[in-house]
Amino acid sequence: MRIHISLQLRWGDLDAYNHVNNVEVFRLLEEARVRAFWAPENPQEERPPTAVFERDSGLLSLIAGHRIEYLLPIDYRGTPLDVQIWLSRLGGASAEIGYEIRDDETLYACASSTLVFVDAASMRPRRIPDTVRAAWEPYLGDAVAFSQRG
């Protein structure tokens, strides 16, 4: 099972080649990740079942690494992109997040991020809480299938 986050592009996301800049692609991944895993501040806003992080909870989620593979340029569009997110690994104090950026017909990029759980006071790794593990386990899937190029 995957989490689907709909993201609208901005005109400013484009670069001189008239497609979404690679730095902006990372911003799209970040936006999707925040929407999927952080509770919205507005209680009226829809909250995905995976949105387990609360502000001032004492638990931080830090990114330890990213890998991305750009498959096709993303041109500006009036319709939103579908960023699909899942967990490919739940470790002791870290998780691997998989992503695909797509529309109805096309896969533009795939990526993965390593997320580390850290205690806000000590800045030391902290085990994934059971509540987080329970919320995320239904979204466990295969690791991102990167090509074997380079």
C-alpha atoms as a PDB file:
ATOM      1  CA  MET A   1       0.000   0.000   0.000  1.00  0.00           C
ATOM      2  CA  ARG A   2       1.176   3.528  -0.782  1.00  0.00           C
ATOM      3  CA  ILE A   3       0.432   7.027   0.423  1.00  0.00           C
ATOM      4  CA  HIS A   4      -0.641   9.348  -2.406  1.00  0.00           C
ATOM      5  CA  ILE A   5       0.183  13.038  -2.047  1.00  0.00           C
ATOM      6  CA  SER A   6      -1.104  15.390  -4.732  1.00  0.00           C
ATOM      7  CA  LEU A   7       1.255  18.322  -5.377  1.00  0.00           C
ATOM      8  CA  GLN A   8       0.704  21.300  -7.648  1.00  0.00           C
ATOM      9  CA  LEU A   9       3.729  22.681  -9.470  1.00  0.00           C
ATOM     10  CA  ARG A  10       4.608  26.367  -9.327  1.00  0.00           C
ATOM     11  CA  TRP A  11       5.842  28.381 -12.290  1.00  0.00           C
ATOM     12  CA  GLY A  12       8.978  29.154 -10.254  1.00  0.00           C
ATOM     13  CA  ASP A  13       9.834  25.430 -10.118  1.00  0.00           C
ATOM     14  CA  LEU A  14      11.003  25.610 -13.744  1.00  0.00           C
ATOM     15  CA  ASP A  15      14.593  26.137 -14.809  1.00  0.00           C
ATOM     16  CA  ALA A  16      16.138  27.614 -17.970  1.00  0.00           C
ATOM     17  CA  TYR A  17      15.322  24.396 -19.859  1.00  0.00           C
ATOM     18  CA  ASN A  18      11.619  24.870 -19.034  1.00  0.00           C
ATOM     19  CA  HIS A  19      11.284  21.792 -16.853  1.00  0.00           C
ATOM     20  CA  VAL A  20      11.223  21.305 -13.087  1.00  0.00           C
ATOM     21  CA  ASN A  21      14.695  21.940 -11.688  1.00  0.00           C
ATOM     22  CA  ASN A  22      16.397  19.034  -9.908  1.00  0.00           C
ATOM     23  CA  VAL A  23      16.558  21.004  -6.652  1.00  0.00           C
ATOM     24  CA  GLU A  24      12.803  21.606  -6.878  1.00  0.00           C
ATOM     25  CA  VAL A  25      12.244  17.868  -7.311  1.00  0.00           C
ATOM     26  CA  PHE A  26      13.831  17.393  -3.869  1.00  0.00           C
ATOM     27  CA  ARG A  27      11.496  20.099  -2.566  1.00  0.00           C
ATOM     28  CA  LEU A  28       8.526  18.154  -3.946  1.00  0.00           C
ATOM     29  CA  LEU A  29       9.740  15.040  -2.137  1.00  0.00           C
ATOM     30  CA  GLU A  30      10.145  17.011   1.080  1.00  0.00           C
ATOM     31  CA  GLU A  31       6.649  18.494   0.808  1.00  0.00           C
ATOM     32  CA  ALA A  32       5.128  15.069   0.202  1.00  0.00           C
ATOM     33  CA  ARG A  33       7.086  13.562   3.109  1.00  0.00           C
ATOM     34  CA  VAL A  34       5.963  16.300   5.514  1.00  0.00           C
ATOM     35  CA  ARG A  35       2.317  15.924   4.467  1.00  0.00           C
ATOM     36  CA  ALA A  36       2.511  12.144   4.819  1.00  0.00           C
ATOM     37  CA  PHE A  37       4.282  11.935   8.184  1.00  0.00           C
ATOM     38  CA  TRP A  38       3.577  15.157  10.118  1.00  0.00           C
ATOM     39  CA  ALA A  39       0.240  15.946  11.718  1.00  0.00           C
ATOM     40  CA  PRO A  40      -1.290  19.071  10.175  1.00  0.00           C
ATOM     41  CA  GLU A  41      -1.413  22.097  12.452  1.00  0.00           C
ATOM     42  CA  ASN A  42      -5.014  22.773  11.442  1.00  0.00           C
ATOM     43  CA  PRO A  43      -7.188  20.085  13.100  1.00  0.00           C
ATOM     44  CA  GLN A  44      -9.761  20.510  10.298  1.00  0.00           C
ATOM     45  CA  GLU A  45      -7.211  19.416   7.686  1.00  0.00           C
ATOM     46  CA  GLU A  46      -7.226  15.781   6.586  1.00  0.00           C
ATOM     47  CA  ARG A  47      -4.644  13.711   8.471  1.00  0.00           C
ATOM     48  CA  PRO A  48      -3.224  10.608   6.783  1.00  0.00           C
ATOM     49  CA  PRO A  49      -2.978   7.564   9.087  1.00  0.00           C
ATOM     50  CA  THR A  50       0.819   7.792   8.699  1.00  0.00           C
ATOM     51  CA  ALA A  51       0.989  11.368  10.054  1.00  0.00           C
ATOM     52  CA  VAL A  52       2.523  10.413  13.392  1.00  0.00           C
ATOM     53  CA  PHE A  53       4.859  13.317  14.120  1.00  0.00           C
ATOM     54  CA  GLU A  54       3.511  16.106  16.320  1.00  0.00           C
ATOM     55  CA  ARG A  55       5.117  19.473  16.907  1.00  0.00           C
ATOM     56  CA  ASP A  56       6.954  19.646  20.265  1.00  0.00           C
ATOM     57  CA  SER A  57       6.774  15.874  20.778  1.00  0.00           C
ATOM     58  CA  GLY A  58      10.477  15.574  21.642  1.00  0.00           C
ATOM     59  CA  LEU A  59      11.015  13.307  18.633  1.00  0.00           C
ATOM     60  CA  LEU A  60      12.793  14.605  15.533  1.00  0.00           C
ATOM     61  CA  SER A  61      12.941  13.027  12.105  1.00  0.00           C
ATOM     62  CA  LEU A  62      16.170  13.868  10.308  1.00  0.00           C
ATOM     63  CA  ILE A  63      17.175  12.889   6.805  1.00  0.00           C
ATOM     64  CA  ALA A  64      20.492  11.024   6.732  1.00  0.00           C
ATOM     65  CA  GLY A  65      20.633  10.536   2.967  1.00  0.00           C
ATOM     66  CA  HIS A  66      18.820  10.701  -0.364  1.00  0.00           C
ATOM     67  CA  ARG A  67      19.088   8.893  -3.652  1.00  0.00           C
ATOM     68  CA  ILE A  68      17.147   9.949  -6.722  1.00  0.00           C
ATOM     69  CA  GLU A  69      16.895   8.807 -10.296  1.00  0.00           C
ATOM     70  CA  TYR A  70      15.436  11.190 -12.852  1.00  0.00           C
ATOM     71  CA  LEU A  71      13.687   9.225 -15.581  1.00  0.00           C
ATOM     72  CA  LEU A  72      12.021  11.991 -17.597  1.00  0.00           C
ATOM     73  CA  PRO A  73      11.897  15.788 -17.406  1.00  0.00           C
ATOM     74  CA  ILE A  74       8.856  17.168 -15.595  1.00  0.00           C
ATOM     75  CA  ASP A  75       7.262  19.948 -17.607  1.00  0.00           C
ATOM     76  CA  TYR A  76       5.008  22.569 -16.081  1.00  0.00           C
ATOM     77  CA  ARG A  77       1.376  21.467 -15.902  1.00  0.00           C
ATOM     78  CA  GLY A  78      -1.884  22.747 -14.546  1.00  0.00           C
ATOM     79  CA  THR A  79      -2.753  19.375 -13.028  1.00  0.00           C
ATOM     80  CA  PRO A  80      -1.054  18.102  -9.870  1.00  0.00           C
ATOM     81  CA  LEU A  81       1.586  15.398  -9.738  1.00  0.00           C
ATOM     82  CA  ASP A  82       1.010  12.250  -7.705  1.00  0.00           C
ATOM     83  CA  VAL A  83       3.883  11.633  -5.303  1.00  0.00           C
ATOM     84  CA  GLN A  84       3.601   8.087  -4.016  1.00  0.00           C
ATOM     85  CA  ILE A  85       5.340   7.243  -0.749  1.00  0.00           C
ATOM     86  CA  TRP A  86       5.910   3.984   1.096  1.00  0.00           C
ATOM     87  CA  LEU A  87       8.325   2.537   3.646  1.00  0.00           C
ATOM     88  CA  SER A  88      10.802  -0.022   2.343  1.00  0.00           C
ATOM     89  CA  ARG A  89      12.496  -0.653   5.692  1.00  0.00           C
ATOM     90  CA  LEU A  90      11.755  -0.030   9.351  1.00  0.00           C
ATOM     91  CA  GLY A  91      14.904  -0.459  11.421  1.00  0.00           C
ATOM     92  CA  GLY A  92      15.584   0.180  15.080  1.00  0.00           C
ATOM     93  CA  ALA A  93      15.998   3.967  14.881  1.00  0.00           C
ATOM     94  CA  SER A  94      15.730   4.582  11.144  1.00  0.00           C
ATOM     95  CA  ALA A  95      13.447   3.996   8.194  1.00  0.00           C
ATOM     96  CA  GLU A  96      13.883   3.933   4.448  1.00  0.00           C
ATOM     97  CA  ILE A  97      11.272   5.876   2.494  1.00  0.00           C
ATOM     98  CA  GLY A  98      10.503   5.123  -1.150  1.00  0.00           C
ATOM     99  CA  TYR A  99       8.989   7.615  -3.586  1.00  0.00           C
ATOM    100  CA  GLU A 100       7.694   7.778  -7.122  1.00  0.00           C
ATOM    101  CA  ILE A 101       6.758  11.034  -8.842  1.00  0.00           C
ATOM    102  CA  ARG A 102       4.181  10.357 -11.515  1.00  0.00           C
ATOM    103  CA  ASP A 103       0.996  11.323 -13.225  1.00  0.00           C
ATOM    104  CA  ASP A 104      -1.680   9.003 -14.584  1.00  0.00           C
ATOM    105  CA  GLU A 105       0.562   7.674 -17.343  1.00  0.00           C
ATOM    106  CA  THR A 106       4.187   8.541 -16.660  1.00  0.00           C
ATOM    107  CA  LEU A 107       6.841   7.837 -14.018  1.00  0.00           C
ATOM    108  CA  TYR A 108       9.186  10.859 -13.874  1.00  0.00           C
ATOM    109  CA  ALA A 109      11.479  10.033 -10.967  1.00  0.00           C
ATOM    110  CA  CYS A 110      12.027   7.511  -8.212  1.00  0.00           C
ATOM    111  CA  ALA A 111      13.860   8.227  -4.981  1.00  0.00           C
ATOM    112  CA  SER A 112      14.613   6.988  -1.507  1.00  0.00           C
ATOM    113  CA  SER A 113      15.470   8.736   1.740  1.00  0.00           C
ATOM    114  CA  THR A 114      16.913   7.421   4.970  1.00  0.00           C
ATOM    115  CA  LEU A 115      15.075   8.959   7.903  1.00  0.00           C
ATOM    116  CA  VAL A 116      16.626   8.767  11.384  1.00  0.00           C
ATOM    117  CA  PHE A 117      14.650   9.202  14.606  1.00  0.00           C
ATOM    118  CA  VAL A 118      16.411  11.500  17.073  1.00  0.00           C
ATOM    119  CA  ASP A 119      15.623  12.624  20.598  1.00  0.00           C
ATOM    120  CA  ALA A 120      15.209  16.420  20.475  1.00  0.00           C
ATOM    121  CA  ALA A 121      16.913  17.016  23.837  1.00  0.00           C
ATOM    122  CA  SER A 122      19.986  14.799  23.443  1.00  0.00           C
ATOM    123  CA  MET A 123      20.193  14.732  19.603  1.00  0.00           C
ATOM    124  CA  ARG A 124      20.932  11.016  19.875  1.00  0.00           C
ATOM    125  CA  PRO A 125      19.202   8.320  17.832  1.00  0.00           C
ATOM    126  CA  ARG A 126      15.973   7.073  19.362  1.00  0.00           C
ATOM    127  CA  ARG A 127      14.163   3.829  18.682  1.00  0.00           C
ATOM    128  CA  ILE A 128      11.088   4.025  16.500  1.00  0.00           C
ATOM    129  CA  PRO A 129       8.128   4.192  18.893  1.00  0.00           C
ATOM    130  CA  ASP A 130       5.636   1.323  18.715  1.00  0.00           C
ATOM    131  CA  THR A 131       2.848   3.735  17.716  1.00  0.00           C
ATOM    132  CA  VAL A 132       4.869   4.918  14.710  1.00  0.00           C
ATOM    133  CA  ARG A 133       5.785   1.375  13.746  1.00  0.00           C
ATOM    134  CA  ALA A 134       2.107   0.308  13.917  1.00  0.00           C
ATOM    135  CA  ALA A 135       0.994   3.272  11.772  1.00  0.00           C
ATOM    136  CA  TRP A 136       3.684   2.687   9.154  1.00  0.00           C
ATOM    137  CA  GLU A 137       3.778  -1.119   8.872  1.00  0.00           C
ATOM    138  CA  PRO A 138       0.752  -1.266   6.515  1.00  0.00           C
ATOM    139  CA  TYR A 139       2.789   0.871   4.097  1.00  0.00           C
ATOM    140  CA  LEU A 140       5.831  -1.422   3.976  1.00  0.00           C
ATOM    141  CA  GLY A 141       6.811  -2.372   0.451  1.00  0.00           C
ATOM    142  CA  ASP A 142       9.734  -3.210  -1.759  1.00  0.00           C
ATOM    143  CA  ALA A 143      12.853  -1.076  -1.952  1.00  0.00           C
ATOM    144  CA  VAL A 144      12.982   1.409  -4.818  1.00  0.00           C
ATOM    145  CA  ALA A 145      14.155  -0.326  -7.992  1.00  0.00           C
ATOM    146  CA  PHE A 146      16.887   1.961  -9.259  1.00  0.00           C
ATOM    147  CA  SER A 147      18.435   1.148 -12.620  1.00  0.00           C
ATOM    148  CA  GLN A 148      21.881  -0.395 -12.662  1.00  0.00           C
ATOM    149  CA  ARG A 149      23.380   2.542 -14.615  1.00  0.00           C
ATOM    150  CA  GLY A 150      26.439   4.221 -13.135  1.00  0.00           C
END
